Amino acid sequence: MAIFSFLLALAGAFSVLAAPQGIDVSSYQGNVDWSTVKANGVSFVYIKATEVPYTNPDFSSQYTGATNAGLIRGGYHFAHPDISSGATQAEYFLAHGGGWSSDGITLPGALDIEYNPDGAECYGLSASGMVSWISDFSTTYHSHTGRYFIYTTTDWWTTCTGNSATFASNNPLWVARYSSSVGALPAGWSYETFWQYADSGANPGDQDLFNGDAARLQRYAL
């Protein structure tokens, strides 16, 4: 039994190592050496595009550099539900780097909805109000691209949406948990598409894993 448990753990470790490695960056990382990142085994990157009324001044150079290095890439929007509607912020994101095309190298734009860095954890919204805001953003983004995507943490989601399962049927999940395992997921999701497992590592920015193999990652981009 002990040997069997060891073999299961070993298989799990190899599975994680085989999963496509990724990072996510913002203007904080500035000028990234993308050729080194690629040589280090990174397959994909998410780049911060917007945070109303802010746009990442390095987004274009980071996006182009990642593209030229052969990485699958996409943009993300840091949400501020206390500033404007979900639809307004989705439109802003789309206009400043958040678009998507089915070219096999573009990841769908992600809604980064998490702890408020500047005030009340849930941005002053009730759980139902937060669910409505996220729905407004997601519906608007989907109407332009045909895609959805949510980044969050299980703790924040549980606290600020009442652990809503509303989005699990159509929004892929990018979950953040800095640990040796992904842990419990928000309600409704049976698996994560991406896992942000550390806020630093061998490569710039946060460290991520895709839940699948390289071929599946490319299909997801398509």
C-alpha atoms as a PDB file:
ATOM      1  CA  MET A   1       0.000   0.000   0.000  1.00  0.00           C
ATOM      2  CA  ALA A   2       2.841   2.382   0.854  1.00  0.00           C
ATOM      3  CA  ILE A   3       4.532   1.669  -2.497  1.00  0.00           C
ATOM      4  CA  PHE A   4       1.232   2.203  -4.337  1.00  0.00           C
ATOM      5  CA  SER A   5       0.728   5.580  -2.594  1.00  0.00           C
ATOM      6  CA  PHE A   6       4.277   6.571  -3.474  1.00  0.00           C
ATOM      7  CA  LEU A   7       3.737   5.683  -7.132  1.00  0.00           C
ATOM      8  CA  LEU A   8       0.515   7.710  -7.225  1.00  0.00           C
ATOM      9  CA  ALA A   9       2.284  10.727  -5.743  1.00  0.00           C
ATOM     10  CA  LEU A  10       5.144  10.301  -8.212  1.00  0.00           C
ATOM     11  CA  ALA A  11       2.714  10.124 -11.133  1.00  0.00           C
ATOM     12  CA  GLY A  12       1.057  13.307  -9.907  1.00  0.00           C
ATOM     13  CA  ALA A  13       4.391  15.073  -9.701  1.00  0.00           C
ATOM     14  CA  PHE A  14       5.297  14.060 -13.256  1.00  0.00           C
ATOM     15  CA  SER A  15       1.868  15.219 -14.451  1.00  0.00           C
ATOM     16  CA  VAL A  16       2.437  18.683 -12.973  1.00  0.00           C
ATOM     17  CA  LEU A  17       5.917  18.883 -14.462  1.00  0.00           C
ATOM     18  CA  ALA A  18       4.542  17.907 -17.895  1.00  0.00           C
ATOM     19  CA  ALA A  19       1.817  20.570 -17.798  1.00  0.00           C
ATOM     20  CA  PRO A  20       2.546  23.679 -19.899  1.00  0.00           C
ATOM     21  CA  GLN A  21       4.262  26.293 -17.759  1.00  0.00           C
ATOM     22  CA  GLY A  22       3.193  29.927 -17.887  1.00  0.00           C
ATOM     23  CA  ILE A  23       3.633  33.311 -16.267  1.00  0.00           C
ATOM     24  CA  ASP A  24       1.582  36.468 -15.902  1.00  0.00           C
ATOM     25  CA  VAL A  25       3.166  39.899 -15.907  1.00  0.00           C
ATOM     26  CA  SER A  26       2.333  43.594 -15.680  1.00  0.00           C
ATOM     27  CA  SER A  27       4.210  46.877 -16.001  1.00  0.00           C
ATOM     28  CA  TYR A  28       5.984  45.932 -12.768  1.00  0.00           C
ATOM     29  CA  GLN A  29       8.073  43.424 -14.778  1.00  0.00           C
ATOM     30  CA  GLY A  30       8.864  46.006 -17.474  1.00  0.00           C
ATOM     31  CA  ASN A  31      11.158  44.827 -20.235  1.00  0.00           C
ATOM     32  CA  VAL A  32      11.022  41.014 -20.090  1.00  0.00           C
ATOM     33  CA  ASP A  33      13.704  38.879 -21.749  1.00  0.00           C
ATOM     34  CA  TRP A  34      11.225  36.729 -23.628  1.00  0.00           C
ATOM     35  CA  SER A  35      13.805  34.558 -25.384  1.00  0.00           C
ATOM     36  CA  THR A  36      15.146  33.471 -21.986  1.00  0.00           C
ATOM     37  CA  VAL A  37      11.616  32.910 -20.702  1.00  0.00           C
ATOM     38  CA  LYS A  38      10.920  30.691 -23.711  1.00  0.00           C
ATOM     39  CA  ALA A  39      14.208  28.819 -23.242  1.00  0.00           C
ATOM     40  CA  ASN A  40      13.225  28.191 -19.626  1.00  0.00           C
ATOM     41  CA  GLY A  41      10.240  26.169 -20.808  1.00  0.00           C
ATOM     42  CA  VAL A  42       7.449  28.731 -20.548  1.00  0.00           C
ATOM     43  CA  SER A  43       4.667  28.130 -23.103  1.00  0.00           C
ATOM     44  CA  PHE A  44       2.174  30.902 -22.377  1.00  0.00           C
ATOM     45  CA  VAL A  45       1.813  34.308 -20.760  1.00  0.00           C
ATOM     46  CA  TYR A  46      -0.985  36.553 -19.572  1.00  0.00           C
ATOM     47  CA  ILE A  47      -0.189  40.275 -19.666  1.00  0.00           C
ATOM     48  CA  LYS A  48      -2.046  42.931 -17.715  1.00  0.00           C
ATOM     49  CA  ALA A  49      -3.738  45.274 -20.160  1.00  0.00           C
ATOM     50  CA  THR A  50      -6.067  47.464 -18.117  1.00  0.00           C
ATOM     51  CA  GLU A  51      -7.329  48.574 -14.724  1.00  0.00           C
ATOM     52  CA  VAL A  52      -9.834  51.399 -15.258  1.00  0.00           C
ATOM     53  CA  PRO A  53      -8.813  54.136 -15.887  1.00  0.00           C
ATOM     54  CA  TYR A  54      -5.267  52.758 -16.239  1.00  0.00           C
ATOM     55  CA  THR A  55      -3.624  51.018 -19.175  1.00  0.00           C
ATOM     56  CA  ASN A  56      -0.347  49.141 -18.913  1.00  0.00           C
ATOM     57  CA  PRO A  57       2.276  51.318 -20.686  1.00  0.00           C
ATOM     58  CA  ASP A  58       4.368  48.211 -21.376  1.00  0.00           C
ATOM     59  CA  PHE A  59       1.518  46.086 -22.709  1.00  0.00           C
ATOM     60  CA  SER A  60       2.299  46.528 -26.391  1.00  0.00           C
ATOM     61  CA  SER A  61       6.027  45.804 -26.064  1.00  0.00           C
ATOM     62  CA  GLN A  62       5.421  42.861 -23.731  1.00  0.00           C
ATOM     63  CA  TYR A  63       2.742  41.423 -26.010  1.00  0.00           C
ATOM     64  CA  THR A  64       4.884  41.831 -29.125  1.00  0.00           C
ATOM     65  CA  GLY A  65       7.936  40.385 -27.385  1.00  0.00           C
ATOM     66  CA  ALA A  66       5.997  37.348 -26.203  1.00  0.00           C
ATOM     67  CA  THR A  67       4.584  36.862 -29.706  1.00  0.00           C
ATOM     68  CA  ASN A  68       8.011  37.080 -31.339  1.00  0.00           C
ATOM     69  CA  ALA A  69       9.359  34.518 -28.874  1.00  0.00           C
ATOM     70  CA  GLY A  70       6.645  32.051 -29.912  1.00  0.00           C
ATOM     71  CA  LEU A  71       4.570  32.157 -26.754  1.00  0.00           C
ATOM     72  CA  ILE A  72       0.797  31.782 -26.623  1.00  0.00           C
ATOM     73  CA  ARG A  73      -0.366  35.047 -25.053  1.00  0.00           C
ATOM     74  CA  GLY A  74      -3.370  37.012 -23.882  1.00  0.00           C
ATOM     75  CA  GLY A  75      -4.396  40.037 -21.840  1.00  0.00           C
ATOM     76  CA  TYR A  76      -6.167  40.455 -18.531  1.00  0.00           C
ATOM     77  CA  HIS A  77      -8.197  43.214 -16.899  1.00  0.00           C
ATOM     78  CA  PHE A  78      -7.984  43.974 -13.168  1.00  0.00           C
ATOM     79  CA  ALA A  79     -11.555  44.715 -12.126  1.00  0.00           C
ATOM     80  CA  HIS A  80     -12.710  47.641  -9.994  1.00  0.00           C
ATOM     81  CA  PRO A  81     -16.449  47.078  -9.541  1.00  0.00           C
ATOM     82  CA  ASP A  82     -16.611  50.220  -7.386  1.00  0.00           C
ATOM     83  CA  ILE A  83     -15.639  52.518 -10.276  1.00  0.00           C
ATOM     84  CA  SER A  84     -17.952  51.663 -13.182  1.00  0.00           C
ATOM     85  CA  SER A  85     -20.201  48.956 -14.585  1.00  0.00           C
ATOM     86  CA  GLY A  86     -19.008  45.577 -15.786  1.00  0.00           C
ATOM     87  CA  ALA A  87     -20.036  46.423 -19.336  1.00  0.00           C
ATOM     88  CA  THR A  88     -18.078  49.698 -19.271  1.00  0.00           C
ATOM     89  CA  GLN A  89     -14.938  47.959 -18.060  1.00  0.00           C
ATOM     90  CA  ALA A  90     -15.282  45.134 -20.580  1.00  0.00           C
ATOM     91  CA  GLU A  91     -15.511  47.676 -23.397  1.00  0.00           C
ATOM     92  CA  TYR A  92     -12.457  49.513 -22.033  1.00  0.00           C
ATOM     93  CA  PHE A  93     -10.528  46.246 -21.867  1.00  0.00           C
ATOM     94  CA  LEU A  94     -11.508  45.318 -25.416  1.00  0.00           C
ATOM     95  CA  ALA A  95     -10.353  48.720 -26.670  1.00  0.00           C
ATOM     96  CA  HIS A  96      -6.945  48.490 -24.962  1.00  0.00           C
ATOM     97  CA  GLY A  97      -5.545  45.038 -25.622  1.00  0.00           C
ATOM     98  CA  GLY A  98      -8.245  42.647 -24.441  1.00  0.00           C
ATOM     99  CA  GLY A  99      -9.420  41.382 -27.813  1.00  0.00           C
ATOM    100  CA  TRP A 100      -9.318  37.789 -28.980  1.00  0.00           C
ATOM    101  CA  SER A 101      -8.960  36.001 -32.308  1.00  0.00           C
ATOM    102  CA  SER A 102      -9.013  32.296 -33.150  1.00  0.00           C
ATOM    103  CA  ASP A 103      -5.432  32.165 -34.436  1.00  0.00           C
ATOM    104  CA  GLY A 104      -4.165  29.481 -32.065  1.00  0.00           C
ATOM    105  CA  ILE A 105      -1.775  31.825 -30.259  1.00  0.00           C
ATOM    106  CA  THR A 106      -4.204  34.187 -28.509  1.00  0.00           C
ATOM    107  CA  LEU A 107      -5.682  33.343 -25.117  1.00  0.00           C
ATOM    108  CA  PRO A 108      -9.127  34.730 -24.288  1.00  0.00           C
ATOM    109  CA  GLY A 109      -9.062  37.912 -22.252  1.00  0.00           C
ATOM    110  CA  ALA A 110      -9.326  37.255 -18.524  1.00  0.00           C
ATOM    111  CA  LEU A 111     -11.340  39.121 -15.912  1.00  0.00           C
ATOM    112  CA  ASP A 112      -9.133  39.407 -12.815  1.00  0.00           C
ATOM    113  CA  ILE A 113     -11.666  39.733  -9.997  1.00  0.00           C
ATOM    114  CA  GLU A 114     -10.139  39.537  -6.530  1.00  0.00           C
ATOM    115  CA  TYR A 115      -9.198  41.413  -3.364  1.00  0.00           C
ATOM    116  CA  ASN A 116      -9.592  45.188  -3.517  1.00  0.00           C
ATOM    117  CA  PRO A 117      -6.110  46.703  -3.082  1.00  0.00           C
ATOM    118  CA  ASP A 118      -7.528  50.102  -2.137  1.00  0.00           C
ATOM    119  CA  GLY A 119     -10.488  49.573   0.178  1.00  0.00           C
ATOM    120  CA  ALA A 120     -13.367  47.260   1.073  1.00  0.00           C
ATOM    121  CA  GLU A 121     -12.607  43.656   0.109  1.00  0.00           C
ATOM    122  CA  CYS A 122     -15.806  43.323  -1.918  1.00  0.00           C
ATOM    123  CA  TYR A 123     -15.711  46.860  -3.358  1.00  0.00           C
ATOM    124  CA  GLY A 124     -18.809  47.835  -1.389  1.00  0.00           C
ATOM    125  CA  LEU A 125     -21.065  45.408  -3.266  1.00  0.00           C
ATOM    126  CA  SER A 126     -23.361  42.747  -1.858  1.00  0.00           C
ATOM    127  CA  ALA A 127     -22.889  39.165  -3.052  1.00  0.00           C
ATOM    128  CA  SER A 128     -25.810  39.509  -5.469  1.00  0.00           C
ATOM    129  CA  GLY A 129     -24.487  42.866  -6.649  1.00  0.00           C
ATOM    130  CA  MET A 130     -21.080  41.322  -7.331  1.00  0.00           C
ATOM    131  CA  VAL A 131     -22.616  38.449  -9.285  1.00  0.00           C
ATOM    132  CA  SER A 132     -24.538  40.984 -11.385  1.00  0.00           C
ATOM    133  CA  TRP A 133     -21.369  43.008 -12.033  1.00  0.00           C
ATOM    134  CA  ILE A 134     -19.396  39.948 -13.130  1.00  0.00           C
ATOM    135  CA  SER A 135     -22.284  38.858 -15.354  1.00  0.00           C
ATOM    136  CA  ASP A 136     -22.367  42.323 -16.943  1.00  0.00           C
ATOM    137  CA  PHE A 137     -18.652  42.140 -17.737  1.00  0.00           C
ATOM    138  CA  SER A 138     -18.709  38.529 -18.930  1.00  0.00           C
ATOM    139  CA  THR A 139     -21.780  38.960 -21.132  1.00  0.00           C
ATOM    140  CA  THR A 140     -20.348  42.072 -22.749  1.00  0.00           C
ATOM    141  CA  TYR A 141     -16.958  40.492 -23.383  1.00  0.00           C
ATOM    142  CA  HIS A 142     -18.585  37.352 -24.765  1.00  0.00           C
ATOM    143  CA  SER A 143     -20.770  39.357 -27.123  1.00  0.00           C
ATOM    144  CA  HIS A 144     -17.606  40.673 -28.820  1.00  0.00           C
ATOM    145  CA  THR A 145     -15.395  37.576 -28.712  1.00  0.00           C
ATOM    146  CA  GLY A 146     -17.486  34.489 -28.035  1.00  0.00           C
ATOM    147  CA  ARG A 147     -15.232  33.725 -25.065  1.00  0.00           C
ATOM    148  CA  TYR A 148     -15.312  33.990 -21.263  1.00  0.00           C
ATOM    149  CA  PHE A 149     -12.602  33.672 -18.605  1.00  0.00           C
ATOM    150  CA  ILE A 150     -12.409  34.418 -14.871  1.00  0.00           C
ATOM    151  CA  TYR A 151      -9.388  34.714 -12.576  1.00  0.00           C
ATOM    152  CA  THR A 152     -10.037  34.670  -8.846  1.00  0.00           C
ATOM    153  CA  THR A 153      -9.259  32.991  -5.538  1.00  0.00           C
ATOM    154  CA  THR A 154     -11.595  30.569  -3.801  1.00  0.00           C
ATOM    155  CA  ASP A 155     -11.487  32.644  -0.613  1.00  0.00           C
ATOM    156  CA  TRP A 156     -12.423  35.932  -2.288  1.00  0.00           C
ATOM    157  CA  TRP A 157     -15.085  34.268  -4.454  1.00  0.00           C
ATOM    158  CA  THR A 158     -16.688  32.623  -1.445  1.00  0.00           C
ATOM    159  CA  THR A 159     -16.722  35.864   0.527  1.00  0.00           C
ATOM    160  CA  CYS A 160     -17.760  38.312  -2.180  1.00  0.00           C
ATOM    161  CA  THR A 161     -20.095  36.313  -4.451  1.00  0.00           C
ATOM    162  CA  GLY A 162     -21.553  34.065  -1.755  1.00  0.00           C
ATOM    163  CA  ASN A 163     -19.697  31.232  -3.525  1.00  0.00           C
ATOM    164  CA  SER A 164     -21.927  31.593  -6.574  1.00  0.00           C
ATOM    165  CA  ALA A 165     -21.979  28.708  -9.056  1.00  0.00           C
ATOM    166  CA  THR A 166     -23.561  30.936 -11.721  1.00  0.00           C
ATOM    167  CA  PHE A 167     -20.510  31.107 -13.986  1.00  0.00           C
ATOM    168  CA  ALA A 168     -19.098  27.607 -13.752  1.00  0.00           C
ATOM    169  CA  SER A 169     -21.087  26.258 -16.704  1.00  0.00           C
ATOM    170  CA  ASN A 170     -19.551  28.633 -19.256  1.00  0.00           C
ATOM    171  CA  ASN A 171     -16.570  30.518 -17.752  1.00  0.00           C
ATOM    172  CA  PRO A 172     -13.244  28.669 -17.612  1.00  0.00           C
ATOM    173  CA  LEU A 173     -11.467  29.218 -14.294  1.00  0.00           C
ATOM    174  CA  TRP A 174      -8.002  30.578 -13.562  1.00  0.00           C
ATOM    175  CA  VAL A 175      -7.549  30.124  -9.835  1.00  0.00           C
ATOM    176  CA  ALA A 176      -4.808  31.510  -7.602  1.00  0.00           C
ATOM    177  CA  ARG A 177      -3.529  29.460  -4.676  1.00  0.00           C
ATOM    178  CA  TYR A 178       0.095  29.592  -3.561  1.00  0.00           C
ATOM    179  CA  SER A 179       0.522  26.051  -2.340  1.00  0.00           C
ATOM    180  CA  SER A 180       1.616  22.583  -3.400  1.00  0.00           C
ATOM    181  CA  SER A 181      -1.906  21.768  -4.604  1.00  0.00           C
ATOM    182  CA  VAL A 182      -4.735  23.736  -6.158  1.00  0.00           C
ATOM    183  CA  GLY A 183      -7.074  22.999  -3.238  1.00  0.00           C
ATOM    184  CA  ALA A 184     -10.818  23.568  -3.141  1.00  0.00           C
ATOM    185  CA  LEU A 185     -12.305  25.413  -6.110  1.00  0.00           C
ATOM    186  CA  PRO A 186     -15.186  27.913  -6.121  1.00  0.00           C
ATOM    187  CA  ALA A 187     -18.685  26.424  -6.314  1.00  0.00           C
ATOM    188  CA  GLY A 188     -19.659  24.712  -9.546  1.00  0.00           C
ATOM    189  CA  TRP A 189     -16.193  24.302 -11.038  1.00  0.00           C
ATOM    190  CA  SER A 190     -14.943  20.715 -11.050  1.00  0.00           C
ATOM    191  CA  TYR A 191     -11.517  21.651 -12.403  1.00  0.00           C
ATOM    192  CA  GLU A 192      -9.380  24.699 -13.109  1.00  0.00           C
ATOM    193  CA  THR A 193      -8.097  25.637 -16.570  1.00  0.00           C
ATOM    194  CA  PHE A 194      -5.122  27.576 -15.194  1.00  0.00           C
ATOM    195  CA  TRP A 195      -3.560  27.516 -11.734  1.00  0.00           C
ATOM    196  CA  GLN A 196      -1.455  30.425 -10.467  1.00  0.00           C
ATOM    197  CA  TYR A 197       0.625  28.551  -7.930  1.00  0.00           C
ATOM    198  CA  ALA A 198       3.291  31.109  -6.907  1.00  0.00           C
ATOM    199  CA  ASP A 199       3.925  34.850  -7.036  1.00  0.00           C
ATOM    200  CA  SER A 200       7.602  34.425  -7.918  1.00  0.00           C
ATOM    201  CA  GLY A 201       9.890  31.817  -9.400  1.00  0.00           C
ATOM    202  CA  ALA A 202      12.496  31.128 -12.023  1.00  0.00           C
ATOM    203  CA  ASN A 203      10.753  33.415 -14.508  1.00  0.00           C
ATOM    204  CA  PRO A 204       9.367  36.957 -14.179  1.00  0.00           C
ATOM    205  CA  GLY A 205       5.958  37.558 -12.635  1.00  0.00           C
ATOM    206  CA  ASP A 206       3.518  35.053 -11.197  1.00  0.00           C
ATOM    207  CA  GLN A 207       3.945  31.364 -12.009  1.00  0.00           C
ATOM    208  CA  ASP A 208       1.142  29.398 -13.676  1.00  0.00           C
ATOM    209  CA  LEU A 209       0.254  25.945 -14.953  1.00  0.00           C
ATOM    210  CA  PHE A 210      -2.209  24.938 -17.650  1.00  0.00           C
ATOM    211  CA  ASN A 211      -4.409  21.960 -16.781  1.00  0.00           C
ATOM    212  CA  GLY A 212      -3.658  19.790 -19.801  1.00  0.00           C
ATOM    213  CA  ASP A 213      -0.976  19.166 -22.384  1.00  0.00           C
ATOM    214  CA  ALA A 214       0.513  21.433 -25.051  1.00  0.00           C
ATOM    215  CA  ALA A 215      -1.950  20.302 -27.723  1.00  0.00           C
ATOM    216  CA  ARG A 216      -4.893  21.074 -25.458  1.00  0.00           C
ATOM    217  CA  LEU A 217      -3.447  24.516 -24.661  1.00  0.00           C
ATOM    218  CA  GLN A 218      -3.330  25.330 -28.365  1.00  0.00           C
ATOM    219  CA  ARG A 219      -6.893  24.075 -28.832  1.00  0.00           C
ATOM    220  CA  TYR A 220      -7.944  26.305 -25.940  1.00  0.00           C
ATOM    221  CA  ALA A 221      -6.401  29.286 -27.724  1.00  0.00           C
ATOM    222  CA  LEU A 222      -8.433  28.320 -30.808  1.00  0.00           C
END
